[in-house]
Amino acid sequence: MDYIEITVRKFEGLVKRNDIKSPQWFAMPNEILLHPDFFDISGDEFKVFSWVCGVASKLNSATIRVYPKLCSRQINVDESCVTLTIEKLNGKRWDVTDALRARYADVTLQDRTGQDRTGGGEEKPPPFSFRENKYYKRLSVEIKQALEATYPADFLNTEIIEIHGYLEGKGFQQIHRLDSFIPKSLKTSWRWFKENEKQNQTPGGMVKEL
């Protein structure tokens, strides 16, 4: 899965309480839309900006990894909108510190040039199976059997990627039991999937703290 690592500028102004480990809110000036940084920012792009600020404040970290696919599904914007917003506000509201392609199964990172060492093009990730995911492997045999009997393989492939992205983005530090968190996250995502299916919308992942 692709991610973009960014460092939010003036993070201390975003999170003003140093005594709270996982803030549930962040500060935003009441005239922020009048700042020149946002003159050419659309409504959806401002949603991306707010999402980034929310993730950074919740993780209490100025440097975070933005997974465009995860962001686009959680706030219902195109994935291209996420990457465009990051580009527009780079050097203004944050600095892009790294952009790497993560392998699906074990998130082994490529060379920083984004190319393989033989001089060819961008390395393609191997086909993904949720059973190879390192967090999924930690589940008990009974739970894995129950999940695979309940949900289609395509759904599990998509959602385990999203859960992986959440856990890699420091969410794992806040999760005490994967045997509880992953099934609950999948249950929530399945509910959203079925609701979107009824409305003839494209289903999307939804990783939530439960």
Foldseek 3Di string as FASTA:
>chain_A
DKKWKKFFPPLCQFAVDPVDQFDQGTDDDPVNCVDPLNPPPDPVLVLLVVVVSRLCRRNVGRIWIGDLQLSCQAVVHDSVSNVVSCVSCDVPGIHGPAIWDAAQAEGDTADRVQPHPVPDHHDDHDDDFLCRHPLNVPADPVLNVVVPVPDPRVLSRQQSSSVVSCVVRVVVVVDDDSNPQVVVQSVVQVVQQVVCVVVVHDRGGDRDDD
